[in-house]
Amino acid sequence: AAITWSGDTTRYADSVKGRFTISRDNAKNTM
């Protein structure tokens, strides 16, 4: 999975799509 800096766009491998969710909290410097 991948996520843009702003977190407004994500991409997932077909094998995990619908099961995994990527997110990030830039204030916490954590993905």
Full PDB file with SEQRES, HELIX, SHEET, SSBOND, CRYST1, ORIGX, SCALE, CONECT and MASTER records, all heavy atoms in Angstrom:
SEQRES   1 A   31  ALA ALA ILE THR TRP SER GLY ASP THR THR ARG TYR ALA          
SEQRES   2 A   31  ASP SER VAL LYS GLY ARG PHE THR ILE SER ARG ASP ASN          
SEQRES   3 A   31  ALA LYS ASN THR MET                                          
HELIX    1 AA1 ASN A   26  LYS A   28  5                                   3    
SHEET    1 AA1 2 ALA A   2  ILE A   3  0                                        
SHEET    2 AA1 2 THR A  10  ARG A  11 -1                                        
CRYST1    1.000    1.000    1.000  90.00  90.00  90.00 P 1           1          
ORIGX1      1.000000  0.000000  0.000000        0.00000                         
ORIGX2      0.000000  1.000000  0.000000        0.00000                         
ORIGX3      0.000000  0.000000  1.000000        0.00000                         
SCALE1      1.000000  0.000000  0.000000        0.00000                         
SCALE2      0.000000  1.000000  0.000000        0.00000                         
SCALE3      0.000000  0.000000  1.000000        0.00000                         
ATOM      1  N   ALA A   1       0.838  -1.190   0.000  1.00  0.00           N  
ATOM      2  CA  ALA A   1       0.000   0.000   0.000  1.00  0.00           C  
ATOM      3  C   ALA A   1       0.873   1.239   0.000  1.00  0.00           C  
ATOM      4  O   ALA A   1       2.024   1.204   0.434  1.00  0.00           O  
ATOM      5  CB  ALA A   1      -0.929   0.010   1.217  1.00  0.00           C  
ATOM      6  N   ALA A   2       0.321   2.334  -0.485  1.00  0.00           N  
ATOM      7  CA  ALA A   2       1.037   3.599  -0.496  1.00  0.00           C  
ATOM      8  C   ALA A   2       0.076   4.730  -0.202  1.00  0.00           C  
ATOM      9  O   ALA A   2      -1.132   4.617  -0.424  1.00  0.00           O  
ATOM     10  CB  ALA A   2       1.721   3.820  -1.849  1.00  0.00           C  
ATOM     11  N   ILE A   3       0.633   5.823   0.277  1.00  0.00           N  
ATOM     12  CA  ILE A   3      -0.171   6.982   0.630  1.00  0.00           C  
ATOM     13  C   ILE A   3       0.615   8.247   0.343  1.00  0.00           C  
ATOM     14  O   ILE A   3       1.829   8.307   0.547  1.00  0.00           O  
ATOM     15  CB  ILE A   3      -0.603   6.905   2.117  1.00  0.00           C  
ATOM     16  CG1 ILE A   3      -1.588   8.013   2.468  1.00  0.00           C  
ATOM     17  CG2 ILE A   3       0.624   6.943   3.034  1.00  0.00           C  
ATOM     18  CD1 ILE A   3      -2.239   7.814   3.835  1.00  0.00           C  
ATOM     19  N   THR A   4      -0.077   9.259  -0.153  1.00  0.00           N  
ATOM     20  CA  THR A   4       0.567  10.538  -0.401  1.00  0.00           C  
ATOM     21  C   THR A   4       0.837  11.249   0.908  1.00  0.00           C  
ATOM     22  O   THR A   4       0.339  10.868   1.967  1.00  0.00           O  
ATOM     23  CB  THR A   4      -0.313  11.430  -1.287  1.00  0.00           C  
ATOM     24  OG1 THR A   4      -1.589  11.628  -0.658  1.00  0.00           O  
ATOM     25  CG2 THR A   4      -0.529  10.798  -2.657  1.00  0.00           C  
ATOM     26  N   TRP A   5       1.635  12.305   0.842  1.00  0.00           N  
ATOM     27  CA  TRP A   5       1.986  13.037   2.045  1.00  0.00           C  
ATOM     28  C   TRP A   5       0.746  13.575   2.752  1.00  0.00           C  
ATOM     29  O   TRP A   5       0.650  13.511   3.983  1.00  0.00           O  
ATOM     30  CB  TRP A   5       2.932  14.189   1.706  1.00  0.00           C  
ATOM     31  CG  TRP A   5       3.323  14.992   2.912  1.00  0.00           C  
ATOM     32  CD1 TRP A   5       4.294  14.698   3.807  1.00  0.00           C  
ATOM     33  CD2 TRP A   5       2.732  16.221   3.348  1.00  0.00           C  
ATOM     34  NE1 TRP A   5       4.357  15.667   4.788  1.00  0.00           N  
ATOM     35  CE2 TRP A   5       3.411  16.615   4.529  1.00  0.00           C  
ATOM     36  CE3 TRP A   5       1.713  17.026   2.860  1.00  0.00           C  
ATOM     37  CZ2 TRP A   5       3.077  17.780   5.221  1.00  0.00           C  
ATOM     38  CZ3 TRP A   5       1.390  18.190   3.556  1.00  0.00           C  
ATOM     39  CH2 TRP A   5       2.072  18.549   4.718  1.00  0.00           C  
ATOM     40  N   SER A   6      -0.174  14.114   1.988  1.00  0.00           N  
ATOM     41  CA  SER A   6      -1.381  14.679   2.578  1.00  0.00           C  
ATOM     42  C   SER A   6      -2.350  13.605   3.053  1.00  0.00           C  
ATOM     43  O   SER A   6      -3.257  13.897   3.831  1.00  0.00           O  
ATOM     44  CB  SER A   6      -2.081  15.592   1.585  1.00  0.00           C  
ATOM     45  OG  SER A   6      -2.547  14.865   0.465  1.00  0.00           O  
ATOM     46  N   GLY A   7      -2.164  12.402   2.575  1.00  0.00           N  
ATOM     47  CA  GLY A   7      -3.044  11.318   2.949  1.00  0.00           C  
ATOM     48  C   GLY A   7      -4.337  11.258   2.170  1.00  0.00           C  
ATOM     49  O   GLY A   7      -5.210  10.440   2.487  1.00  0.00           O  
ATOM     50  N   ASP A   8      -4.466  12.092   1.161  1.00  0.00           N  
ATOM     51  CA  ASP A   8      -5.715  12.150   0.421  1.00  0.00           C  
ATOM     52  C   ASP A   8      -5.808  11.128  -0.706  1.00  0.00           C  
ATOM     53  O   ASP A   8      -6.885  10.971  -1.288  1.00  0.00           O  
ATOM     54  CB  ASP A   8      -5.957  13.560  -0.132  1.00  0.00           C  
ATOM     55  CG  ASP A   8      -4.861  14.020  -1.085  1.00  0.00           C  
ATOM     56  OD1 ASP A   8      -3.836  13.324  -1.215  1.00  0.00           O  
ATOM     57  OD2 ASP A   8      -5.032  15.096  -1.684  1.00  0.00           O  
ATOM     58  N   THR A   9      -4.713  10.465  -1.006  1.00  0.00           N  
ATOM     59  CA  THR A   9      -4.710   9.462  -2.057  1.00  0.00           C  
ATOM     60  C   THR A   9      -3.978   8.226  -1.579  1.00  0.00           C  
ATOM     61  O   THR A   9      -2.882   8.328  -1.014  1.00  0.00           O  
ATOM     62  CB  THR A   9      -4.047   9.989  -3.335  1.00  0.00           C  
ATOM     63  OG1 THR A   9      -4.695  11.190  -3.760  1.00  0.00           O  
ATOM     64  CG2 THR A   9      -4.142   8.959  -4.455  1.00  0.00           C  
ATOM     65  N   THR A  10      -4.572   7.085  -1.800  1.00  0.00           N  
ATOM     66  CA  THR A  10      -3.961   5.823  -1.414  1.00  0.00           C  
ATOM     67  C   THR A  10      -4.018   4.841  -2.564  1.00  0.00           C  
ATOM     68  O   THR A  10      -4.807   4.987  -3.497  1.00  0.00           O  
ATOM     69  CB  THR A  10      -4.659   5.209  -0.194  1.00  0.00           C  
ATOM     70  OG1 THR A  10      -6.051   5.009  -0.490  1.00  0.00           O  
ATOM     71  CG2 THR A  10      -4.539   6.123   1.017  1.00  0.00           C  
ATOM     72  N   ARG A  11      -3.182   3.827  -2.472  1.00  0.00           N  
ATOM     73  CA  ARG A  11      -3.144   2.772  -3.475  1.00  0.00           C  
ATOM     74  C   ARG A  11      -2.854   1.458  -2.772  1.00  0.00           C  
ATOM     75  O   ARG A  11      -2.062   1.407  -1.829  1.00  0.00           O  
ATOM     76  CB  ARG A  11      -2.082   3.077  -4.533  1.00  0.00           C  
ATOM     77  CG  ARG A  11      -1.986   2.047  -5.653  1.00  0.00           C  
ATOM     78  CD  ARG A  11      -0.941   2.474  -6.670  1.00  0.00           C  
ATOM     79  NE  ARG A  11      -1.305   3.728  -7.313  1.00  0.00           N  
ATOM     80  CZ  ARG A  11      -0.484   4.444  -8.062  1.00  0.00           C  
ATOM     81  NH1 ARG A  11       0.764   4.024  -8.264  1.00  0.00           N  
ATOM     82  NH2 ARG A  11      -0.905   5.574  -8.610  1.00  0.00           N  
ATOM     83  N   TYR A  12      -3.488   0.404  -3.240  1.00  0.00           N  
ATOM     84  CA  TYR A  12      -3.327  -0.891  -2.613  1.00  0.00           C  
ATOM     85  C   TYR A  12      -3.049  -1.972  -3.643  1.00  0.00           C  
ATOM     86  O   TYR A  12      -3.537  -1.916  -4.773  1.00  0.00           O  
ATOM     87  CB  TYR A  12      -4.588  -1.290  -1.849  1.00  0.00           C  
ATOM     88  CG  TYR A  12      -4.940  -0.369  -0.715  1.00  0.00           C  
ATOM     89  CD1 TYR A  12      -5.794   0.713  -0.906  1.00  0.00           C  
ATOM     90  CD2 TYR A  12      -4.417  -0.585   0.557  1.00  0.00           C  
ATOM     91  CE1 TYR A  12      -6.110   1.559   0.131  1.00  0.00           C  
ATOM     92  CE2 TYR A  12      -4.734   0.261   1.602  1.00  0.00           C  
ATOM     93  CZ  TYR A  12      -5.577   1.331   1.389  1.00  0.00           C  
ATOM     94  OH  TYR A  12      -5.892   2.174   2.428  1.00  0.00           O  
ATOM     95  N   ALA A  13      -2.280  -2.947  -3.234  1.00  0.00           N  
ATOM     96  CA  ALA A  13      -2.129  -4.138  -4.046  1.00  0.00           C  
ATOM     97  C   ALA A  13      -3.460  -4.864  -4.094  1.00  0.00           C  
ATOM     98  O   ALA A  13      -4.230  -4.841  -3.134  1.00  0.00           O  
ATOM     99  CB  ALA A  13      -1.047  -5.042  -3.471  1.00  0.00           C  
ATOM    100  N   ASP A  14      -3.728  -5.514  -5.213  1.00  0.00           N  
ATOM    101  CA  ASP A  14      -4.991  -6.234  -5.347  1.00  0.00           C  
ATOM    102  C   ASP A  14      -5.172  -7.286  -4.258  1.00  0.00           C  
ATOM    103  O   ASP A  14      -6.294  -7.550  -3.823  1.00  0.00           O  
ATOM    104  CB  ASP A  14      -5.073  -6.901  -6.720  1.00  0.00           C  
ATOM    105  CG  ASP A  14      -5.260  -5.906  -7.845  1.00  0.00           C  
ATOM    106  OD1 ASP A  14      -5.673  -4.760  -7.578  1.00  0.00           O  
ATOM    107  OD2 ASP A  14      -4.999  -6.275  -9.005  1.00  0.00           O  
ATOM    108  N   SER A  15      -4.081  -7.858  -3.805  1.00  0.00           N  
ATOM    109  CA  SER A  15      -4.149  -8.921  -2.823  1.00  0.00           C  
ATOM    110  C   SER A  15      -4.624  -8.456  -1.450  1.00  0.00           C  
ATOM    111  O   SER A  15      -5.079  -9.275  -0.647  1.00  0.00           O  
ATOM    112  CB  SER A  15      -2.784  -9.604  -2.685  1.00  0.00           C  
ATOM    113  OG  SER A  15      -1.789  -8.677  -2.285  1.00  0.00           O  
ATOM    114  N   VAL A  16      -4.523  -7.165  -1.184  1.00  0.00           N  
ATOM    115  CA  VAL A  16      -4.915  -6.652   0.128  1.00  0.00           C  
ATOM    116  C   VAL A  16      -6.061  -5.657   0.053  1.00  0.00           C  
ATOM    117  O   VAL A  16      -6.574  -5.238   1.103  1.00  0.00           O  
ATOM    118  CB  VAL A  16      -3.726  -6.004   0.859  1.00  0.00           C  
ATOM    119  CG1 VAL A  16      -2.549  -6.967   0.927  1.00  0.00           C  
ATOM    120  CG2 VAL A  16      -3.309  -4.697   0.179  1.00  0.00           C  
ATOM    121  N   LYS A  17      -6.455  -5.298  -1.134  1.00  0.00           N  
ATOM    122  CA  LYS A  17      -7.507  -4.310  -1.312  1.00  0.00           C  
ATOM    123  C   LYS A  17      -8.787  -4.758  -0.615  1.00  0.00           C  
ATOM    124  O   LYS A  17      -9.236  -5.886  -0.776  1.00  0.00           O  
ATOM    125  CB  LYS A  17      -7.754  -4.079  -2.799  1.00  0.00           C  
ATOM    126  CG  LYS A  17      -8.572  -2.849  -3.127  1.00  0.00           C  
ATOM    127  CD  LYS A  17      -8.631  -2.622  -4.643  1.00  0.00           C  
ATOM    128  CE  LYS A  17      -7.244  -2.418  -5.227  1.00  0.00           C  
ATOM    129  NZ  LYS A  17      -7.288  -2.170  -6.699  1.00  0.00           N  
ATOM    130  N   GLY A  18      -9.348  -3.856   0.155  1.00  0.00           N  
ATOM    131  CA  GLY A  18     -10.555  -4.164   0.896  1.00  0.00           C  
ATOM    132  C   GLY A  18     -10.308  -4.736   2.267  1.00  0.00           C  
ATOM    133  O   GLY A  18     -11.235  -4.812   3.086  1.00  0.00           O  
ATOM    134  N   ARG A  19      -9.073  -5.150   2.529  1.00  0.00           N  
ATOM    135  CA  ARG A  19      -8.730  -5.728   3.824  1.00  0.00           C  
ATOM    136  C   ARG A  19      -7.772  -4.851   4.617  1.00  0.00           C  
ATOM    137  O   ARG A  19      -7.817  -4.838   5.846  1.00  0.00           O  
ATOM    138  CB  ARG A  19      -8.113  -7.113   3.645  1.00  0.00           C  
ATOM    139  CG  ARG A  19      -9.031  -8.114   2.964  1.00  0.00           C  
ATOM    140  CD  ARG A  19      -8.434  -9.520   2.996  1.00  0.00           C  
ATOM    141  NE  ARG A  19      -7.170  -9.598   2.270  1.00  0.00           N  
ATOM    142  CZ  ARG A  19      -5.996  -9.908   2.825  1.00  0.00           C  
ATOM    143  NH1 ARG A  19      -5.926 -10.175   4.124  1.00  0.00           N  
ATOM    144  NH2 ARG A  19      -4.892  -9.958   2.085  1.00  0.00           N  
ATOM    145  N   PHE A  20      -6.891  -4.160   3.923  1.00  0.00           N  
ATOM    146  CA  PHE A  20      -5.893  -3.320   4.570  1.00  0.00           C  
ATOM    147  C   PHE A  20      -6.230  -1.851   4.353  1.00  0.00           C  
ATOM    148  O   PHE A  20      -6.765  -1.466   3.310  1.00  0.00           O  
ATOM    149  CB  PHE A  20      -4.494  -3.580   4.001  1.00  0.00           C  
ATOM    150  CG  PHE A  20      -3.897  -4.914   4.347  1.00  0.00           C  
ATOM    151  CD1 PHE A  20      -4.647  -5.921   4.934  1.00  0.00           C  
ATOM    152  CD2 PHE A  20      -2.556  -5.153   4.077  1.00  0.00           C  
ATOM    153  CE1 PHE A  20      -4.086  -7.151   5.247  1.00  0.00           C  
ATOM    154  CE2 PHE A  20      -1.978  -6.372   4.383  1.00  0.00           C  
ATOM    155  CZ  PHE A  20      -2.747  -7.377   4.967  1.00  0.00           C  
ATOM    156  N   THR A  21      -5.880  -1.035   5.319  1.00  0.00           N  
ATOM    157  CA  THR A  21      -6.066   0.401   5.210  1.00  0.00           C  
ATOM    158  C   THR A  21      -4.790   1.109   5.629  1.00  0.00           C  
ATOM    159  O   THR A  21      -4.297   0.902   6.737  1.00  0.00           O  
ATOM    160  CB  THR A  21      -7.235   0.892   6.079  1.00  0.00           C  
ATOM    161  OG1 THR A  21      -8.441   0.236   5.685  1.00  0.00           O  
ATOM    162  CG2 THR A  21      -7.414   2.401   5.912  1.00  0.00           C  
ATOM    163  N   ILE A  22      -4.272   1.938   4.741  1.00  0.00           N  
ATOM    164  CA  ILE A  22      -3.087   2.712   5.052  1.00  0.00           C  
ATOM    165  C   ILE A  22      -3.508   4.120   5.461  1.00  0.00           C  
ATOM    166  O   ILE A  22      -4.454   4.681   4.908  1.00  0.00           O  
ATOM    167  CB  ILE A  22      -2.117   2.753   3.853  1.00  0.00           C  
ATOM    168  CG1 ILE A  22      -0.785   3.398   4.245  1.00  0.00           C  
ATOM    169  CG2 ILE A  22      -2.738   3.463   2.659  1.00  0.00           C  
ATOM    170  CD1 ILE A  22       0.283   3.285   3.160  1.00  0.00           C  
ATOM    171  N   SER A  23      -2.822   4.669   6.424  1.00  0.00           N  
ATOM    172  CA  SER A  23      -3.103   6.021   6.871  1.00  0.00           C  
ATOM    173  C   SER A  23      -1.835   6.627   7.446  1.00  0.00           C  
ATOM    174  O   SER A  23      -0.845   5.928   7.666  1.00  0.00           O  
ATOM    175  CB  SER A  23      -4.231   6.034   7.914  1.00  0.00           C  
ATOM    176  OG  SER A  23      -3.855   5.312   9.073  1.00  0.00           O  
ATOM    177  N   ARG A  24      -1.870   7.913   7.669  1.00  0.00           N  
ATOM    178  CA  ARG A  24      -0.722   8.562   8.283  1.00  0.00           C  
ATOM    179  C   ARG A  24      -1.180   9.746   9.110  1.00  0.00           C  
ATOM    180  O   ARG A  24      -2.193  10.380   8.824  1.00  0.00           O  
ATOM    181  CB  ARG A  24       0.301   8.991   7.225  1.00  0.00           C  
ATOM    182  CG  ARG A  24      -0.178  10.071   6.268  1.00  0.00           C  
ATOM    183  CD  ARG A  24       0.770  10.233   5.076  1.00  0.00           C  
ATOM    184  NE  ARG A  24       2.096  10.678   5.479  1.00  0.00           N  
ATOM    185  CZ  ARG A  24       3.140  10.758   4.658  1.00  0.00           C  
ATOM    186  NH1 ARG A  24       3.009  10.397   3.379  1.00  0.00           N  
ATOM    187  NH2 ARG A  24       4.308  11.176   5.109  1.00  0.00           N  
ATOM    188  N   ASP A  25      -0.409  10.027  10.125  1.00  0.00           N  
ATOM    189  CA  ASP A  25      -0.653  11.163  10.994  1.00  0.00           C  
ATOM    190  C   ASP A  25       0.643  11.953  11.007  1.00  0.00           C  
ATOM    191  O   ASP A  25       1.573  11.631  11.748  1.00  0.00           O  
ATOM    192  CB  ASP A  25      -1.046  10.706  12.392  1.00  0.00           C  
ATOM    193  CG  ASP A  25      -1.443  11.855  13.296  1.00  0.00           C  
ATOM    194  OD1 ASP A  25      -1.087  13.012  13.007  1.00  0.00           O  
ATOM    195  OD2 ASP A  25      -2.124  11.597  14.311  1.00  0.00           O  
ATOM    196  N   ASN A  26       0.703  12.964  10.167  1.00  0.00           N  
ATOM    197  CA  ASN A  26       1.938  13.721  10.037  1.00  0.00           C  
ATOM    198  C   ASN A  26       2.300  14.485  11.308  1.00  0.00           C  
ATOM    199  O   ASN A  26       3.475  14.740  11.562  1.00  0.00           O  
ATOM    200  CB  ASN A  26       1.840  14.685   8.850  1.00  0.00           C  
ATOM    201  CG  ASN A  26       1.829  13.964   7.524  1.00  0.00           C  
ATOM    202  OD1 ASN A  26       2.264  12.815   7.420  1.00  0.00           O  
ATOM    203  ND2 ASN A  26       1.332  14.624   6.489  1.00  0.00           N  
ATOM    204  N   ALA A  27       1.298  14.851  12.090  1.00  0.00           N  
ATOM    205  CA  ALA A  27       1.573  15.525  13.351  1.00  0.00           C  
ATOM    206  C   ALA A  27       2.332  14.617  14.304  1.00  0.00           C  
ATOM    207  O   ALA A  27       3.098  15.088  15.144  1.00  0.00           O  
ATOM    208  CB  ALA A  27       0.277  16.000  13.995  1.00  0.00           C  
ATOM    209  N   LYS A  28       2.114  13.317  14.170  1.00  0.00           N  
ATOM    210  CA  LYS A  28       2.809  12.337  14.994  1.00  0.00           C  
ATOM    211  C   LYS A  28       3.963  11.675  14.262  1.00  0.00           C  
ATOM    212  O   LYS A  28       4.621  10.792  14.820  1.00  0.00           O  
ATOM    213  CB  LYS A  28       1.832  11.266  15.474  1.00  0.00           C  
ATOM    214  CG  LYS A  28       0.736  11.788  16.383  1.00  0.00           C  
ATOM    215  CD  LYS A  28      -0.166  10.656  16.850  1.00  0.00           C  
ATOM    216  CE  LYS A  28      -1.228  11.165  17.794  1.00  0.00           C  
ATOM    217  NZ  LYS A  28      -2.127  10.068  18.256  1.00  0.00           N  
ATOM    218  N   ASN A  29       4.179  12.081  13.020  1.00  0.00           N  
ATOM    219  CA  ASN A  29       5.244  11.498  12.204  1.00  0.00           C  
ATOM    220  C   ASN A  29       5.131   9.979  12.144  1.00  0.00           C  
ATOM    221  O   ASN A  29       6.129   9.261  12.247  1.00  0.00           O  
ATOM    222  CB  ASN A  29       6.619  11.907  12.740  1.00  0.00           C  
ATOM    223  CG  ASN A  29       6.849  13.397  12.693  1.00  0.00           C  
ATOM    224  OD1 ASN A  29       6.589  14.041  11.672  1.00  0.00           O  
ATOM    225  ND2 ASN A  29       7.343  13.958  13.775  1.00  0.00           N  
ATOM    226  N   THR A  30       3.923   9.524  11.958  1.00  0.00           N  
ATOM    227  CA  THR A  30       3.661   8.095  11.999  1.00  0.00           C  
ATOM    228  C   THR A  30       2.731   7.678  10.868  1.00  0.00           C  
ATOM    229  O   THR A  30       1.767   8.373  10.549  1.00  0.00           O  
ATOM    230  CB  THR A  30       3.044   7.690  13.346  1.00  0.00           C  
ATOM    231  OG1 THR A  30       3.917   8.092  14.411  1.00  0.00           O  
ATOM    232  CG2 THR A  30       2.855   6.180  13.422  1.00  0.00           C  
ATOM    233  N   MET A  31       3.034   6.545  10.281  1.00  0.00           N  
ATOM    234  CA  MET A  31       2.188   5.930   9.278  1.00  0.00           C  
ATOM    235  C   MET A  31       1.675   4.612   9.831  1.00  0.00           C  
ATOM    236  O   MET A  31       2.354   3.948  10.613  1.00  0.00           O  
ATOM    237  CB  MET A  31       2.977   5.688   7.986  1.00  0.00           C  
ATOM    238  CG  MET A  31       2.188   4.981   6.902  1.00  0.00           C  
ATOM    239  SD  MET A  31       3.148   4.689   5.385  1.00  0.00           S  
ATOM    240  CE  MET A  31       4.403   3.554   5.975  1.00  0.00           C  
TER     241      MET A  31                                                      
MASTER        0    0    0    1    2    0    0    6  240    1    0    3          
END                                                                             
